[in-house]
């Protein structure tokens, strides 16, 4: 297998993973999506380790292989980041039931509904902190908060 074949296999693997997520993210759940993002990051790390081994090879083989592995590592890191909106959407899906009461008469008169929403958010964020690598957690938190604010404003203006 030559280096271009290796690049092709890597590109196909990334495309298959993207298609799988597009098709199945809505049914995977938060924890499985977090695991998938972390797996993509681990794959990137493993490819970086393989790059180091290329330094010990003859230059005519090691350098092109190093370059291919570097590109594939970057693609998997991008794929881990690409998973973030799917995770944030899954978080919002879990928040949907308690948020249905936003700005209703019951919500205004019942403090326990606000407490339920706050507790659900707190619990989800605690799980995300455990399930995700720190850089993925930060990106997911930002994305989920943006979605939460948008939902809040839509309910307020409805």
N, C-alpha and C. Protein backbone atom coordinates (compact mmCIF):
# COMPACT_ATOMS: atom_id res chain seq x y z
N UNK A 1 0.86 -1.18 0.00
CA UNK A 1 0.00 0.00 0.00
C UNK A 1 0.91 1.24 0.00
N UNK A 2 0.68 2.13 -0.93
CA UNK A 2 1.49 3.34 -0.99
C UNK A 2 0.86 4.43 -0.10
N UNK A 3 1.55 5.53 0.05
CA UNK A 3 1.11 6.59 0.95
C UNK A 3 -0.22 7.21 0.52
N UNK A 4 -0.43 7.31 -0.80
CA UNK A 4 -1.71 7.88 -1.25
C UNK A 4 -2.86 6.94 -0.90
N UNK A 5 -2.64 5.63 -0.96
CA UNK A 5 -3.66 4.68 -0.53
C UNK A 5 -3.94 4.84 0.96
N UNK A 6 -2.89 5.04 1.72
CA UNK A 6 -3.01 5.23 3.16
C UNK A 6 -3.83 6.51 3.45
N UNK A 7 -3.56 7.58 2.68
CA UNK A 7 -4.31 8.81 2.83
C UNK A 7 -5.78 8.60 2.46
N UNK A 8 -6.02 7.84 1.42
CA UNK A 8 -7.37 7.56 0.97
C UNK A 8 -8.15 6.79 2.03
N UNK A 9 -7.52 5.79 2.60
CA UNK A 9 -8.16 5.01 3.66
C UNK A 9 -8.48 5.91 4.86
N UNK A 10 -7.55 6.77 5.22
CA UNK A 10 -7.80 7.70 6.32
C UNK A 10 -8.95 8.65 6.03
N UNK A 11 -8.99 9.19 4.83
CA UNK A 11 -10.07 10.10 4.45
C UNK A 11 -11.41 9.38 4.45
N UNK A 12 -11.44 8.15 3.95
CA UNK A 12 -12.68 7.37 3.96
C UNK A 12 -13.14 7.07 5.38
N UNK A 13 -12.20 6.77 6.25
CA UNK A 13 -12.54 6.50 7.65
C UNK A 13 -13.20 7.73 8.29
N UNK A 14 -12.66 8.90 8.02
CA UNK A 14 -13.23 10.14 8.55
C UNK A 14 -14.61 10.38 7.98
N UNK A 15 -14.78 10.18 6.67
CA UNK A 15 -16.09 10.38 6.04
C UNK A 15 -17.13 9.42 6.58
N UNK A 16 -16.74 8.17 6.79
CA UNK A 16 -17.67 7.18 7.35
C UNK A 16 -18.07 7.59 8.76
N UNK A 17 -17.12 8.04 9.55
CA UNK A 17 -17.43 8.48 10.92
C UNK A 17 -18.37 9.67 10.91
N UNK A 18 -18.13 10.63 10.02
CA UNK A 18 -19.02 11.79 9.92
C UNK A 18 -20.44 11.37 9.52
N UNK A 19 -20.54 10.49 8.53
CA UNK A 19 -21.85 10.04 8.08
C UNK A 19 -22.57 9.28 9.18
N UNK A 20 -21.83 8.46 9.90
CA UNK A 20 -22.42 7.71 11.02
C UNK A 20 -22.99 8.67 12.06
N UNK A 21 -22.22 9.70 12.40
CA UNK A 21 -22.71 10.67 13.39
C UNK A 21 -23.92 11.43 12.87
N UNK A 22 -23.88 11.86 11.63
CA UNK A 22 -25.03 12.57 11.06
C UNK A 22 -26.30 11.72 11.14
N UNK A 23 -26.15 10.44 10.87
CA UNK A 23 -27.30 9.53 10.83
C UNK A 23 -27.77 9.08 12.21
N UNK A 24 -26.85 8.99 13.17
CA UNK A 24 -27.18 8.34 14.44
C UNK A 24 -27.07 9.22 15.68
N UNK A 25 -26.57 10.44 15.55
CA UNK A 25 -26.33 11.28 16.72
C UNK A 25 -27.58 11.50 17.55
N UNK A 26 -28.72 11.64 16.89
CA UNK A 26 -29.95 11.95 17.61
C UNK A 26 -30.42 10.80 18.49
N UNK A 27 -29.91 9.61 18.26
CA UNK A 27 -30.33 8.46 19.07
C UNK A 27 -29.20 7.93 19.97
N UNK A 28 -28.03 8.52 19.90
CA UNK A 28 -26.88 7.98 20.63
C UNK A 28 -26.87 8.36 22.11
N UNK A 29 -27.35 9.53 22.45
CA UNK A 29 -27.28 9.97 23.83
C UNK A 29 -25.99 10.70 24.12
N UNK A 30 -26.01 11.48 25.18
CA UNK A 30 -24.88 12.35 25.53
C UNK A 30 -23.62 11.55 25.82
N UNK A 31 -23.72 10.53 26.64
CA UNK A 31 -22.53 9.78 27.04
C UNK A 31 -21.85 9.10 25.85
N UNK A 32 -22.63 8.49 24.96
CA UNK A 32 -22.05 7.82 23.79
C UNK A 32 -21.39 8.83 22.85
N UNK A 33 -22.00 9.99 22.69
CA UNK A 33 -21.39 11.03 21.84
C UNK A 33 -20.08 11.53 22.46
N UNK A 34 -20.06 11.67 23.76
CA UNK A 34 -18.82 12.09 24.43
C UNK A 34 -17.73 11.04 24.24
N UNK A 35 -18.10 9.78 24.36
CA UNK A 35 -17.14 8.70 24.16
C UNK A 35 -16.60 8.73 22.73
N UNK A 36 -17.48 9.00 21.78
CA UNK A 36 -17.05 9.06 20.38
C UNK A 36 -16.06 10.21 20.16
N UNK A 37 -16.36 11.37 20.71
CA UNK A 37 -15.45 12.52 20.58
C UNK A 37 -14.09 12.21 21.20
N UNK A 38 -14.12 11.60 22.37
CA UNK A 38 -12.86 11.23 23.04
C UNK A 38 -12.09 10.20 22.23
N UNK A 39 -12.80 9.25 21.60
CA UNK A 39 -12.13 8.25 20.76
C UNK A 39 -11.44 8.90 19.57
N UNK A 40 -12.09 9.88 18.96
CA UNK A 40 -11.46 10.60 17.85
C UNK A 40 -10.19 11.30 18.33
N UNK A 41 -10.25 11.90 19.50
CA UNK A 41 -9.07 12.57 20.05
C UNK A 41 -7.96 11.56 20.35
N UNK A 42 -8.32 10.40 20.88
CA UNK A 42 -7.32 9.37 21.17
C UNK A 42 -6.67 8.87 19.87
N UNK A 43 -7.47 8.74 18.82
CA UNK A 43 -6.92 8.31 17.54
C UNK A 43 -5.90 9.33 17.05
N UNK A 44 -6.21 10.61 17.22
CA UNK A 44 -5.27 11.67 16.84
C UNK A 44 -3.97 11.53 17.64
N UNK A 45 -4.10 11.29 18.93
CA UNK A 45 -2.92 11.11 19.79
C UNK A 45 -2.08 9.91 19.35
N UNK A 46 -2.75 8.81 19.01
CA UNK A 46 -2.02 7.62 18.58
C UNK A 46 -1.29 7.86 17.27
N UNK A 47 -1.92 8.58 16.37
CA UNK A 47 -1.25 8.91 15.11
C UNK A 47 -0.04 9.81 15.34
N UNK A 48 -0.14 10.71 16.31
CA UNK A 48 1.02 11.55 16.65
C UNK A 48 2.16 10.71 17.20
N UNK A 49 1.83 9.69 17.98
CA UNK A 49 2.86 8.78 18.50
C UNK A 49 3.54 8.03 17.34
N UNK A 50 2.74 7.64 16.37
CA UNK A 50 3.31 6.95 15.20
C UNK A 50 4.22 7.89 14.42
N UNK A 51 3.90 9.18 14.41
CA UNK A 51 4.75 10.16 13.72
C UNK A 51 6.16 10.15 14.32
N UNK A 52 6.24 10.03 15.63
CA UNK A 52 7.55 10.04 16.31
C UNK A 52 8.40 8.86 15.85
N UNK A 53 7.76 7.73 15.59
CA UNK A 53 8.49 6.56 15.11
C UNK A 53 9.06 6.79 13.72
N UNK A 54 8.42 7.67 12.95
CA UNK A 54 8.91 7.97 11.59
C UNK A 54 10.27 8.65 11.62
N UNK A 55 10.58 9.33 12.72
CA UNK A 55 11.86 10.01 12.83
C UNK A 55 13.03 9.02 12.83
N UNK A 56 12.75 7.77 13.21
CA UNK A 56 13.80 6.76 13.26
C UNK A 56 13.96 6.03 11.92
N UNK A 57 13.08 6.32 10.97
CA UNK A 57 13.13 5.66 9.66
C UNK A 57 14.03 6.44 8.71
N UNK A 58 14.37 5.78 7.61
CA UNK A 58 15.12 6.48 6.57
C UNK A 58 14.27 7.63 6.06
N UNK A 59 14.91 8.72 5.72
CA UNK A 59 14.21 9.96 5.36
C UNK A 59 13.26 9.77 4.18
N UNK A 60 13.66 8.99 3.19
CA UNK A 60 12.81 8.84 2.00
C UNK A 60 11.48 8.13 2.31
N UNK A 61 11.45 7.36 3.36
CA UNK A 61 10.21 6.70 3.78
C UNK A 61 9.59 7.44 4.96
N UNK A 62 10.41 7.78 5.91
CA UNK A 62 9.92 8.39 7.16
C UNK A 62 9.26 9.74 6.97
N UNK A 63 9.83 10.59 6.13
CA UNK A 63 9.27 11.94 5.95
C UNK A 63 7.89 11.92 5.30
N UNK A 64 7.70 11.21 4.18
CA UNK A 64 6.35 11.18 3.61
C UNK A 64 5.32 10.52 4.54
N UNK A 65 5.74 9.46 5.21
CA UNK A 65 4.84 8.79 6.13
C UNK A 65 4.48 9.72 7.30
N UNK A 66 5.47 10.43 7.80
CA UNK A 66 5.23 11.40 8.88
C UNK A 66 4.19 12.44 8.44
N UNK A 67 4.33 12.93 7.21
CA UNK A 67 3.40 13.95 6.70
C UNK A 67 1.98 13.40 6.59
N UNK A 68 1.85 12.16 6.12
CA UNK A 68 0.53 11.54 5.99
C UNK A 68 -0.09 11.35 7.38
N UNK A 69 0.69 10.85 8.31
CA UNK A 69 0.19 10.64 9.67
C UNK A 69 -0.21 11.95 10.33
N UNK A 70 0.56 13.00 10.06
CA UNK A 70 0.25 14.32 10.62
C UNK A 70 -1.10 14.82 10.10
N UNK A 71 -1.33 14.66 8.81
CA UNK A 71 -2.62 15.09 8.23
C UNK A 71 -3.78 14.28 8.80
N UNK A 72 -3.58 12.98 8.94
CA UNK A 72 -4.64 12.13 9.50
C UNK A 72 -4.90 12.48 10.96
N UNK A 73 -3.84 12.74 11.70
CA UNK A 73 -4.00 13.13 13.10
C UNK A 73 -4.83 14.41 13.21
N UNK A 74 -4.53 15.36 12.35
CA UNK A 74 -5.27 16.63 12.34
C UNK A 74 -6.73 16.40 12.00
N UNK A 75 -6.99 15.51 11.05
CA UNK A 75 -8.39 15.21 10.66
C UNK A 75 -9.16 14.62 11.82
N UNK A 76 -8.53 13.72 12.58
CA UNK A 76 -9.23 13.12 13.72
C UNK A 76 -9.45 14.14 14.83
N UNK A 77 -8.52 15.05 15.01
CA UNK A 77 -8.71 16.12 15.99
C UNK A 77 -9.86 17.03 15.56
N UNK A 78 -9.93 17.32 14.26
CA UNK A 78 -11.05 18.11 13.73
C UNK A 78 -12.37 17.36 13.91
N UNK A 79 -12.33 16.06 13.73
CA UNK A 79 -13.53 15.24 13.88
C UNK A 79 -14.00 15.25 15.34
N UNK A 80 -13.08 15.23 16.28
CA UNK A 80 -13.46 15.33 17.70
C UNK A 80 -14.17 16.65 17.96
N UNK A 81 -13.63 17.74 17.42
CA UNK A 81 -14.27 19.05 17.58
C UNK A 81 -15.59 19.12 16.83
N UNK A 82 -15.65 18.47 15.69
CA UNK A 82 -16.86 18.46 14.87
C UNK A 82 -18.03 17.80 15.61
N UNK A 83 -17.73 16.92 16.58
CA UNK A 83 -18.74 16.20 17.35
C UNK A 83 -19.42 17.11 18.37
N UNK A 84 -18.77 18.20 18.75
CA UNK A 84 -19.26 19.08 19.82
C UNK A 84 -20.72 19.54 19.61
N UNK A 85 -21.11 20.05 18.44
CA UNK A 85 -22.51 20.47 18.28
C UNK A 85 -23.52 19.33 18.48
N UNK A 86 -23.13 18.12 18.12
CA UNK A 86 -24.01 16.98 18.34
C UNK A 86 -24.19 16.72 19.84
N UNK A 87 -23.09 16.85 20.59
CA UNK A 87 -23.17 16.66 22.04
C UNK A 87 -24.05 17.75 22.66
N UNK A 88 -23.82 19.00 22.25
CA UNK A 88 -24.62 20.12 22.78
C UNK A 88 -26.11 19.92 22.46
N UNK A 89 -26.41 19.45 21.26
CA UNK A 89 -27.81 19.21 20.88
C UNK A 89 -28.41 18.10 21.74
N UNK A 90 -27.63 17.08 22.05
CA UNK A 90 -28.12 16.00 22.91
C UNK A 90 -28.37 16.51 24.33
N UNK A 91 -27.52 17.42 24.80
CA UNK A 91 -27.73 18.04 26.11
C UNK A 91 -29.04 18.83 26.09
N UNK A 92 -29.25 19.60 25.04
CA UNK A 92 -30.48 20.39 24.94
C UNK A 92 -31.71 19.49 24.87
N UNK A 93 -31.57 18.36 24.24
CA UNK A 93 -32.69 17.42 24.17
C UNK A 93 -33.07 16.92 25.57
N UNK A 94 -32.06 16.70 26.40
CA UNK A 94 -32.34 16.27 27.77
C UNK A 94 -32.95 17.40 28.60
N UNK A 95 -32.65 18.65 28.23
CA UNK A 95 -33.21 19.79 28.95
C UNK A 95 -34.61 20.17 28.45
N UNK A 96 -35.01 19.62 27.32
CA UNK A 96 -36.28 20.00 26.71
C UNK A 96 -37.49 19.82 27.64
N UNK A 97 -37.66 18.67 28.30
CA UNK A 97 -38.86 18.52 29.13
C UNK A 97 -39.02 19.60 30.22
N UNK A 98 -38.00 19.86 31.02
CA UNK A 98 -38.22 20.91 32.04
C UNK A 98 -38.35 22.31 31.44
N UNK A 99 -37.76 22.53 30.26
CA UNK A 99 -37.82 23.87 29.67
C UNK A 99 -39.16 24.15 28.99
N UNK A 100 -39.98 23.15 28.82
CA UNK A 100 -41.30 23.37 28.23
C UNK A 100 -42.13 24.33 29.08
N UNK A 101 -41.80 24.40 30.35
CA UNK A 101 -42.58 25.24 31.24
C UNK A 101 -42.11 26.70 31.30
N UNK A 102 -41.02 27.03 30.58
CA UNK A 102 -40.53 28.42 30.57
C UNK A 102 -41.67 29.39 30.26
N UNK A 103 -41.79 30.42 31.08
CA UNK A 103 -42.70 31.54 30.88
C UNK A 103 -44.18 31.15 30.84
N UNK A 104 -44.49 30.03 31.44
CA UNK A 104 -45.90 29.68 31.61
C UNK A 104 -46.36 30.20 32.96
N UNK A 105 -47.66 30.20 33.19
CA UNK A 105 -48.21 30.64 34.48
C UNK A 105 -47.65 29.77 35.60
N UNK A 106 -47.55 28.46 35.33
CA UNK A 106 -47.02 27.54 36.34
C UNK A 106 -45.56 27.87 36.66
N UNK A 107 -44.76 28.20 35.66
CA UNK A 107 -43.34 28.51 35.86
C UNK A 107 -43.18 29.77 36.71
N UNK A 108 -44.01 30.80 36.44
CA UNK A 108 -43.93 32.05 37.17
C UNK A 108 -44.32 31.85 38.63
N UNK A 109 -45.29 30.99 38.88
CA UNK A 109 -45.81 30.84 40.24
C UNK A 109 -45.16 29.71 41.02
N UNK A 110 -44.32 28.92 40.39
CA UNK A 110 -43.78 27.74 41.05
C UNK A 110 -42.25 27.74 40.97
N UNK A 111 -41.60 28.04 42.07
CA UNK A 111 -40.13 28.08 42.10
C UNK A 111 -39.48 26.72 41.87
N UNK A 112 -40.22 25.65 42.11
CA UNK A 112 -39.63 24.32 41.97
C UNK A 112 -39.31 24.00 40.51
N UNK A 113 -40.03 24.59 39.57
CA UNK A 113 -39.72 24.35 38.15
C UNK A 113 -38.37 24.95 37.77
N UNK A 114 -38.08 26.14 38.25
CA UNK A 114 -36.76 26.75 38.00
C UNK A 114 -35.67 25.93 38.66
N UNK A 115 -35.95 25.44 39.86
CA UNK A 115 -34.98 24.62 40.57
C UNK A 115 -34.72 23.31 39.81
N UNK A 116 -35.77 22.74 39.22
CA UNK A 116 -35.63 21.51 38.45
C UNK A 116 -34.74 21.74 37.22
N UNK A 117 -34.95 22.85 36.54
CA UNK A 117 -34.12 23.18 35.38
C UNK A 117 -32.67 23.38 35.81
N UNK A 118 -32.48 24.12 36.88
CA UNK A 118 -31.13 24.37 37.38
C UNK A 118 -30.44 23.07 37.78
N UNK A 119 -31.15 22.18 38.45
CA UNK A 119 -30.58 20.90 38.88
C UNK A 119 -30.23 20.03 37.67
N UNK A 120 -31.09 20.03 36.67
CA UNK A 120 -30.82 19.24 35.46
C UNK A 120 -29.57 19.75 34.76
N UNK A 121 -29.44 21.06 34.64
CA UNK A 121 -28.25 21.66 34.01
C UNK A 121 -27.01 21.32 34.82
N UNK A 122 -27.10 21.47 36.12
CA UNK A 122 -25.95 21.18 37.00
C UNK A 122 -25.52 19.71 36.85
N UNK A 123 -26.49 18.81 36.84
CA UNK A 123 -26.18 17.39 36.71
C UNK A 123 -25.54 17.08 35.35
N UNK A 124 -26.11 17.63 34.29
CA UNK A 124 -25.55 17.40 32.96
C UNK A 124 -24.13 17.93 32.83
N UNK A 125 -23.89 19.12 33.36
CA UNK A 125 -22.54 19.69 33.28
C UNK A 125 -21.54 18.86 34.08
N UNK A 126 -21.98 18.36 35.21
CA UNK A 126 -21.10 17.48 36.00
C UNK A 126 -20.74 16.22 35.23
N UNK A 127 -21.73 15.65 34.53
CA UNK A 127 -21.46 14.45 33.72
C UNK A 127 -20.53 14.78 32.56
N UNK A 128 -20.78 15.91 31.89
CA UNK A 128 -19.93 16.30 30.77
C UNK A 128 -18.49 16.49 31.22
N UNK A 129 -18.30 17.08 32.40
CA UNK A 129 -16.94 17.30 32.92
C UNK A 129 -16.21 15.97 33.11
N UNK A 130 -16.96 14.94 33.48
CA UNK A 130 -16.37 13.61 33.67
C UNK A 130 -16.14 12.92 32.32
N UNK A 131 -17.11 13.02 31.43
CA UNK A 131 -17.10 12.26 30.19
C UNK A 131 -16.22 12.84 29.10
N UNK A 132 -15.93 14.15 29.16
CA UNK A 132 -15.19 14.79 28.06
C UNK A 132 -13.80 15.23 28.49
N UNK A 133 -12.90 15.23 27.54
CA UNK A 133 -11.59 15.83 27.75
C UNK A 133 -11.78 17.34 27.95
N UNK A 134 -10.90 17.99 28.68
CA UNK A 134 -11.12 19.41 29.02
C UNK A 134 -11.37 20.33 27.83
N UNK A 135 -10.62 20.21 26.75
CA UNK A 135 -10.85 21.13 25.63
C UNK A 135 -12.19 20.87 24.96
N UNK A 136 -12.63 19.61 24.95
CA UNK A 136 -13.94 19.30 24.39
C UNK A 136 -15.06 19.75 25.32
N UNK A 137 -14.81 19.65 26.63
CA UNK A 137 -15.81 20.13 27.60
C UNK A 137 -16.04 21.62 27.42
N UNK A 138 -14.97 22.39 27.30
CA UNK A 138 -15.10 23.84 27.15
C UNK A 138 -15.88 24.20 25.89
N UNK A 139 -15.59 23.53 24.80
CA UNK A 139 -16.30 23.82 23.54
C UNK A 139 -17.77 23.39 23.62
N UNK A 140 -18.01 22.26 24.25
CA UNK A 140 -19.38 21.77 24.39
C UNK A 140 -20.17 22.70 25.30
N UNK A 141 -19.57 23.13 26.39
CA UNK A 141 -20.23 24.05 27.31
C UNK A 141 -20.63 25.33 26.59
N UNK A 142 -19.71 25.89 25.82
CA UNK A 142 -20.00 27.12 25.07
C UNK A 142 -21.16 26.90 24.11
N UNK A 143 -21.12 25.81 23.37
CA UNK A 143 -22.17 25.53 22.40
C UNK A 143 -23.52 25.29 23.08
N UNK A 144 -23.52 24.54 24.16
CA UNK A 144 -24.77 24.25 24.88
C UNK A 144 -25.35 25.52 25.50
N UNK A 145 -24.49 26.38 26.04
CA UNK A 145 -24.98 27.63 26.63
C UNK A 145 -25.58 28.54 25.56
N UNK A 146 -24.95 28.59 24.39
CA UNK A 146 -25.51 29.39 23.29
C UNK A 146 -26.89 28.86 22.91
N UNK A 147 -27.04 27.54 22.83
CA UNK A 147 -28.33 26.95 22.50
C UNK A 147 -29.37 27.21 23.59
N UNK A 148 -28.92 27.15 24.85
CA UNK A 148 -29.82 27.40 25.97
C UNK A 148 -30.33 28.84 25.96
N UNK A 149 -29.45 29.79 25.72
CA UNK A 149 -29.84 31.20 25.66
C UNK A 149 -30.80 31.42 24.50
N UNK A 150 -30.53 30.82 23.37
CA UNK A 150 -31.41 30.96 22.22
C UNK A 150 -32.80 30.38 22.53
N UNK A 151 -32.83 29.22 23.15
CA UNK A 151 -34.11 28.62 23.53
C UNK A 151 -34.86 29.52 24.52
N UNK A 152 -34.14 30.04 25.50
CA UNK A 152 -34.73 30.92 26.50
C UNK A 152 -35.35 32.15 25.82
N UNK A 153 -34.60 32.76 24.90
CA UNK A 153 -35.11 33.94 24.20
C UNK A 153 -36.31 33.61 23.31
N UNK A 154 -36.26 32.47 22.66
CA UNK A 154 -37.41 32.06 21.83
C UNK A 154 -38.65 31.87 22.67
N UNK A 155 -38.50 31.27 23.84
CA UNK A 155 -39.65 31.09 24.74
C UNK A 155 -40.14 32.44 25.28
N UNK A 156 -39.22 33.33 25.56
CA UNK A 156 -39.56 34.65 26.08
C UNK A 156 -40.35 35.44 25.04
N UNK A 157 -39.95 35.35 23.79
CA UNK A 157 -40.59 36.12 22.72
C UNK A 157 -41.83 35.44 22.14
N UNK A 158 -42.06 34.21 22.51
CA UNK A 158 -43.23 33.49 21.95
C UNK A 158 -44.54 33.96 22.56
